[in-house]
């Protein structure tokens, strides 16, 4: 079992947050189902809270997958290219992903500003609390995109090729 240190928490913050929010979602749904069957009435705010936590889980979880390069990709054509072309394609994809993530971060900030005044239906809190998951996840993915570019350039200099996600620089 790994020792839980501040470094471990920092390196795995996306996974930890997404996991905790998923647990909260699960617990709220189970409690709400039980109260509906036992007391014949549900907890009014539980569904809204569970939905909000699930939205956070989805976006922070996708950032965690992006960090581990665990999203599905089709690289059958890229793997058939010569090594230099493979490197060029992989760096180009990293740069395009950095621009895309930064643009989506910008759009999520615009969306966040627009949702700030809109209250949620039951709790009446600002919808910005839910929308903030977009901005935070795309900011995280933008940062990781630039880290990937630096790591890939470093691995090309050191090994002559872009290393895979399971290989360490």
C-alpha atoms as a PDB file:
ATOM      1  CA  UNK A   1       0.000   0.000   0.000  1.00  0.00           C
ATOM      2  CA  UNK A   2       1.306   3.406  -0.924  1.00  0.00           C
ATOM      3  CA  UNK A   3       1.987   5.909   1.802  1.00  0.00           C
ATOM      4  CA  UNK A   4      -0.305   8.944   1.607  1.00  0.00           C
ATOM      5  CA  UNK A   5       1.992  11.939   1.488  1.00  0.00           C
ATOM      6  CA  UNK A   6       1.419  15.496   0.273  1.00  0.00           C
ATOM      7  CA  UNK A   7       3.347  14.576  -2.885  1.00  0.00           C
ATOM      8  CA  UNK A   8       1.068  11.568  -3.496  1.00  0.00           C
ATOM      9  CA  UNK A   9      -2.019  13.744  -2.990  1.00  0.00           C
ATOM     10  CA  UNK A  10      -0.683  16.432  -5.357  1.00  0.00           C
ATOM     11  CA  UNK A  11       0.222  13.888  -8.054  1.00  0.00           C
ATOM     12  CA  UNK A  12      -3.193  12.206  -7.832  1.00  0.00           C
ATOM     13  CA  UNK A  13      -5.467  15.128  -6.969  1.00  0.00           C
ATOM     14  CA  UNK A  14      -7.759  14.645  -9.985  1.00  0.00           C
ATOM     15  CA  UNK A  15      -8.341  10.974  -9.188  1.00  0.00           C
ATOM     16  CA  UNK A  16      -8.895  11.689  -5.490  1.00  0.00           C
ATOM     17  CA  UNK A  17     -11.389  14.509  -6.091  1.00  0.00           C
ATOM     18  CA  UNK A  18     -13.288  12.563  -8.767  1.00  0.00           C
ATOM     19  CA  UNK A  19     -13.430   9.477  -6.531  1.00  0.00           C
ATOM     20  CA  UNK A  20     -14.671  11.408  -3.511  1.00  0.00           C
ATOM     21  CA  UNK A  21     -17.332  13.162  -5.558  1.00  0.00           C
ATOM     22  CA  UNK A  22     -18.433   9.844  -7.032  1.00  0.00           C
ATOM     23  CA  UNK A  23     -18.771   8.419  -3.513  1.00  0.00           C
ATOM     24  CA  UNK A  24     -20.875  11.428  -2.479  1.00  0.00           C
ATOM     25  CA  UNK A  25     -23.061  10.926  -5.571  1.00  0.00           C
ATOM     26  CA  UNK A  26     -23.512   7.240  -4.806  1.00  0.00           C
ATOM     27  CA  UNK A  27     -24.315   7.807  -1.131  1.00  0.00           C
ATOM     28  CA  UNK A  28     -26.844  10.545  -1.914  1.00  0.00           C
ATOM     29  CA  UNK A  29     -28.621   8.395  -4.488  1.00  0.00           C
ATOM     30  CA  UNK A  30     -28.758   5.378  -2.159  1.00  0.00           C
ATOM     31  CA  UNK A  31     -30.060   7.450   0.761  1.00  0.00           C
ATOM     32  CA  UNK A  32     -32.656   9.119  -1.446  1.00  0.00           C
ATOM     33  CA  UNK A  33     -33.881   5.767  -2.795  1.00  0.00           C
ATOM     34  CA  UNK A  34     -34.116   4.335   0.718  1.00  0.00           C
ATOM     35  CA  UNK A  35     -36.022   7.355   2.052  1.00  0.00           C
ATOM     36  CA  UNK A  36     -38.461   7.125  -0.851  1.00  0.00           C
ATOM     37  CA  UNK A  37     -39.224   3.485  -0.079  1.00  0.00           C
ATOM     38  CA  UNK A  38     -39.167   3.723   3.725  1.00  0.00           C
ATOM     39  CA  UNK A  39     -40.718   7.162   4.345  1.00  0.00           C
ATOM     40  CA  UNK A  40     -42.557   7.488   1.008  1.00  0.00           C
ATOM     41  CA  UNK A  41     -40.849  10.814   0.392  1.00  0.00           C
ATOM     42  CA  UNK A  42     -37.424  11.679  -0.926  1.00  0.00           C
ATOM     43  CA  UNK A  43     -34.933  14.286   0.152  1.00  0.00           C
ATOM     44  CA  UNK A  44     -35.735  17.265  -2.120  1.00  0.00           C
ATOM     45  CA  UNK A  45     -32.163  18.498  -2.560  1.00  0.00           C
ATOM     46  CA  UNK A  46     -30.484  15.076  -2.875  1.00  0.00           C
ATOM     47  CA  UNK A  47     -31.134  14.662  -6.608  1.00  0.00           C
ATOM     48  CA  UNK A  48     -29.792  18.125  -7.445  1.00  0.00           C
ATOM     49  CA  UNK A  49     -26.745  17.615  -5.257  1.00  0.00           C
ATOM     50  CA  UNK A  50     -26.079  14.133  -6.682  1.00  0.00           C
ATOM     51  CA  UNK A  51     -26.381  15.470 -10.237  1.00  0.00           C
ATOM     52  CA  UNK A  52     -23.980  18.319  -9.471  1.00  0.00           C
ATOM     53  CA  UNK A  53     -21.466  15.943  -7.897  1.00  0.00           C
ATOM     54  CA  UNK A  54     -21.774  13.630 -10.894  1.00  0.00           C
ATOM     55  CA  UNK A  55     -21.059  16.512 -13.300  1.00  0.00           C
ATOM     56  CA  UNK A  56     -17.951  17.330 -11.280  1.00  0.00           C
ATOM     57  CA  UNK A  57     -16.974  13.647 -11.289  1.00  0.00           C
ATOM     58  CA  UNK A  58     -17.303  13.442 -15.071  1.00  0.00           C
ATOM     59  CA  UNK A  59     -15.231  16.534 -15.855  1.00  0.00           C
ATOM     60  CA  UNK A  60     -12.534  16.066 -13.217  1.00  0.00           C
ATOM     61  CA  UNK A  61     -12.409  12.367 -14.117  1.00  0.00           C
ATOM     62  CA  UNK A  62     -11.891  13.231 -17.776  1.00  0.00           C
ATOM     63  CA  UNK A  63      -9.021  15.520 -16.776  1.00  0.00           C
ATOM     64  CA  UNK A  64      -7.535  12.615 -14.782  1.00  0.00           C
ATOM     65  CA  UNK A  65      -7.794  10.357 -17.832  1.00  0.00           C
ATOM     66  CA  UNK A  66      -6.222  13.043 -20.010  1.00  0.00           C
ATOM     67  CA  UNK A  67      -3.337  13.344 -17.540  1.00  0.00           C
ATOM     68  CA  UNK A  68      -2.690   9.604 -17.867  1.00  0.00           C
ATOM     69  CA  UNK A  69      -3.262   9.734 -21.644  1.00  0.00           C
ATOM     70  CA  UNK A  70      -5.958   7.135 -21.112  1.00  0.00           C
ATOM     71  CA  UNK A  71      -8.456   8.490 -23.637  1.00  0.00           C
ATOM     72  CA  UNK A  72      -9.068   6.246 -26.605  1.00  0.00           C
ATOM     73  CA  UNK A  73      -7.036   7.037 -29.701  1.00  0.00           C
ATOM     74  CA  UNK A  74      -6.563   5.345 -33.036  1.00  0.00           C
ATOM     75  CA  UNK A  75      -2.888   5.299 -33.923  1.00  0.00           C
ATOM     76  CA  UNK A  76      -2.741   2.423 -36.404  1.00  0.00           C
ATOM     77  CA  UNK A  77      -1.814   4.789 -39.254  1.00  0.00           C
ATOM     78  CA  UNK A  78       0.667   6.777 -37.182  1.00  0.00           C
ATOM     79  CA  UNK A  79       2.470   3.592 -36.107  1.00  0.00           C
ATOM     80  CA  UNK A  80       3.053   2.682 -39.774  1.00  0.00           C
ATOM     81  CA  UNK A  81       4.848   5.973 -40.489  1.00  0.00           C
ATOM     82  CA  UNK A  82       8.628   6.387 -40.321  1.00  0.00           C
ATOM     83  CA  UNK A  83       9.948   7.388 -36.886  1.00  0.00           C
ATOM     84  CA  UNK A  84      10.490  11.066 -37.778  1.00  0.00           C
ATOM     85  CA  UNK A  85       6.956  11.351 -39.157  1.00  0.00           C
ATOM     86  CA  UNK A  86       5.562   9.635 -36.051  1.00  0.00           C
ATOM     87  CA  UNK A  87       7.348  12.159 -33.856  1.00  0.00           C
ATOM     88  CA  UNK A  88       6.052  15.051 -35.968  1.00  0.00           C
ATOM     89  CA  UNK A  89       2.471  13.782 -35.834  1.00  0.00           C
ATOM     90  CA  UNK A  90       2.605  13.202 -32.075  1.00  0.00           C
ATOM     91  CA  UNK A  91       4.056  16.670 -31.364  1.00  0.00           C
ATOM     92  CA  UNK A  92       1.506  18.247 -33.735  1.00  0.00           C
ATOM     93  CA  UNK A  93      -1.335  16.462 -31.945  1.00  0.00           C
ATOM     94  CA  UNK A  94       0.025  17.659 -28.584  1.00  0.00           C
ATOM     95  CA  UNK A  95       0.149  21.255 -29.829  1.00  0.00           C
ATOM     96  CA  UNK A  96      -3.360  21.044 -31.307  1.00  0.00           C
ATOM     97  CA  UNK A  97      -4.669  19.568 -28.053  1.00  0.00           C
ATOM     98  CA  UNK A  98      -3.028  22.391 -26.103  1.00  0.00           C
ATOM     99  CA  UNK A  99      -4.769  24.979 -28.288  1.00  0.00           C
ATOM    100  CA  UNK A 100      -8.074  23.102 -28.079  1.00  0.00           C
ATOM    101  CA  UNK A 101      -7.921  22.750 -24.292  1.00  0.00           C
ATOM    102  CA  UNK A 102      -7.000  26.419 -23.885  1.00  0.00           C
ATOM    103  CA  UNK A 103      -9.867  27.454 -26.170  1.00  0.00           C
ATOM    104  CA  UNK A 104     -12.306  25.235 -24.261  1.00  0.00           C
ATOM    105  CA  UNK A 105     -11.002  26.729 -21.013  1.00  0.00           C
ATOM    106  CA  UNK A 106     -11.752  30.192 -22.405  1.00  0.00           C
ATOM    107  CA  UNK A 107     -15.256  29.117 -23.468  1.00  0.00           C
ATOM    108  CA  UNK A 108     -15.875  27.553 -20.063  1.00  0.00           C
ATOM    109  CA  UNK A 109     -14.963  30.864 -18.386  1.00  0.00           C
ATOM    110  CA  UNK A 110     -17.478  32.639 -20.644  1.00  0.00           C
ATOM    111  CA  UNK A 111     -20.089  30.020 -19.743  1.00  0.00           C
ATOM    112  CA  UNK A 112     -19.199  30.319 -16.060  1.00  0.00           C
ATOM    113  CA  UNK A 113     -19.760  34.087 -16.148  1.00  0.00           C
ATOM    114  CA  UNK A 114     -23.162  33.590 -17.784  1.00  0.00           C
ATOM    115  CA  UNK A 115     -24.268  30.931 -15.315  1.00  0.00           C
ATOM    116  CA  UNK A 116     -23.225  32.975 -12.273  1.00  0.00           C
ATOM    117  CA  UNK A 117     -26.603  34.721 -11.890  1.00  0.00           C
ATOM    118  CA  UNK A 118     -28.723  31.628 -12.564  1.00  0.00           C
ATOM    119  CA  UNK A 119     -29.720  29.834  -9.355  1.00  0.00           C
ATOM    120  CA  UNK A 120     -30.199  26.082  -9.130  1.00  0.00           C
ATOM    121  CA  UNK A 121     -33.791  24.847  -8.910  1.00  0.00           C
ATOM    122  CA  UNK A 122     -33.913  23.395  -5.386  1.00  0.00           C
ATOM    123  CA  UNK A 123     -30.943  24.724  -3.420  1.00  0.00           C
ATOM    124  CA  UNK A 124     -31.049  28.165  -5.010  1.00  0.00           C
ATOM    125  CA  UNK A 125     -27.254  28.488  -5.141  1.00  0.00           C
ATOM    126  CA  UNK A 126     -25.470  29.878  -8.164  1.00  0.00           C
ATOM    127  CA  UNK A 127     -25.153  27.496 -11.112  1.00  0.00           C
ATOM    128  CA  UNK A 128     -21.558  28.672 -11.305  1.00  0.00           C
ATOM    129  CA  UNK A 129     -20.682  26.075  -8.660  1.00  0.00           C
ATOM    130  CA  UNK A 130     -21.575  23.335 -11.126  1.00  0.00           C
ATOM    131  CA  UNK A 131     -20.186  25.175 -14.174  1.00  0.00           C
ATOM    132  CA  UNK A 132     -16.852  25.670 -12.425  1.00  0.00           C
ATOM    133  CA  UNK A 133     -16.103  21.994 -13.080  1.00  0.00           C
ATOM    134  CA  UNK A 134     -15.775  22.812 -16.786  1.00  0.00           C
ATOM    135  CA  UNK A 135     -13.277  25.594 -16.228  1.00  0.00           C
ATOM    136  CA  UNK A 136     -11.237  23.645 -13.711  1.00  0.00           C
ATOM    137  CA  UNK A 137     -11.032  20.511 -15.837  1.00  0.00           C
ATOM    138  CA  UNK A 138     -10.090  22.360 -19.040  1.00  0.00           C
ATOM    139  CA  UNK A 139      -7.506  24.410 -17.145  1.00  0.00           C
ATOM    140  CA  UNK A 140      -6.041  21.169 -15.811  1.00  0.00           C
ATOM    141  CA  UNK A 141      -6.021  19.624 -19.292  1.00  0.00           C
ATOM    142  CA  UNK A 142      -4.386  22.769 -20.727  1.00  0.00           C
ATOM    143  CA  UNK A 143      -1.592  22.568 -18.176  1.00  0.00           C
ATOM    144  CA  UNK A 144      -1.084  18.874 -18.896  1.00  0.00           C
ATOM    145  CA  UNK A 145      -1.035  19.580 -22.640  1.00  0.00           C
ATOM    146  CA  UNK A 146       1.942  21.891 -22.224  1.00  0.00           C
ATOM    147  CA  UNK A 147       3.631  19.361 -19.927  1.00  0.00           C
ATOM    148  CA  UNK A 148       3.155  16.710 -22.647  1.00  0.00           C
ATOM    149  CA  UNK A 149       4.762  18.974 -25.262  1.00  0.00           C
ATOM    150  CA  UNK A 150       7.799  19.539 -23.045  1.00  0.00           C
ATOM    151  CA  UNK A 151       8.081  15.827 -22.155  1.00  0.00           C
ATOM    152  CA  UNK A 152       7.752  14.760 -25.791  1.00  0.00           C
ATOM    153  CA  UNK A 153      10.407  17.195 -26.978  1.00  0.00           C
ATOM    154  CA  UNK A 154      12.669  16.005 -24.170  1.00  0.00           C
ATOM    155  CA  UNK A 155      12.137  12.344 -25.077  1.00  0.00           C
ATOM    156  CA  UNK A 156      12.875  13.053 -28.755  1.00  0.00           C
ATOM    157  CA  UNK A 157      16.177  14.672 -27.777  1.00  0.00           C
ATOM    158  CA  UNK A 158      17.071  11.884 -25.361  1.00  0.00           C
ATOM    159  CA  UNK A 159      15.689   8.761 -27.094  1.00  0.00           C
ATOM    160  CA  UNK A 160      15.036   9.902 -30.658  1.00  0.00           C
ATOM    161  CA  UNK A 161      11.302   9.222 -30.357  1.00  0.00           C
ATOM    162  CA  UNK A 162       8.206  10.235 -28.441  1.00  0.00           C
ATOM    163  CA  UNK A 163       7.762   7.811 -25.572  1.00  0.00           C
ATOM    164  CA  UNK A 164       4.418   6.153 -24.921  1.00  0.00           C
ATOM    165  CA  UNK A 165       2.222   6.997 -21.920  1.00  0.00           C
ATOM    166  CA  UNK A 166       3.507   3.974 -20.001  1.00  0.00           C
ATOM    167  CA  UNK A 167       7.167   4.868 -20.574  1.00  0.00           C
ATOM    168  CA  UNK A 168       8.886   7.386 -18.311  1.00  0.00           C
ATOM    169  CA  UNK A 169      11.199  10.231 -19.427  1.00  0.00           C
END
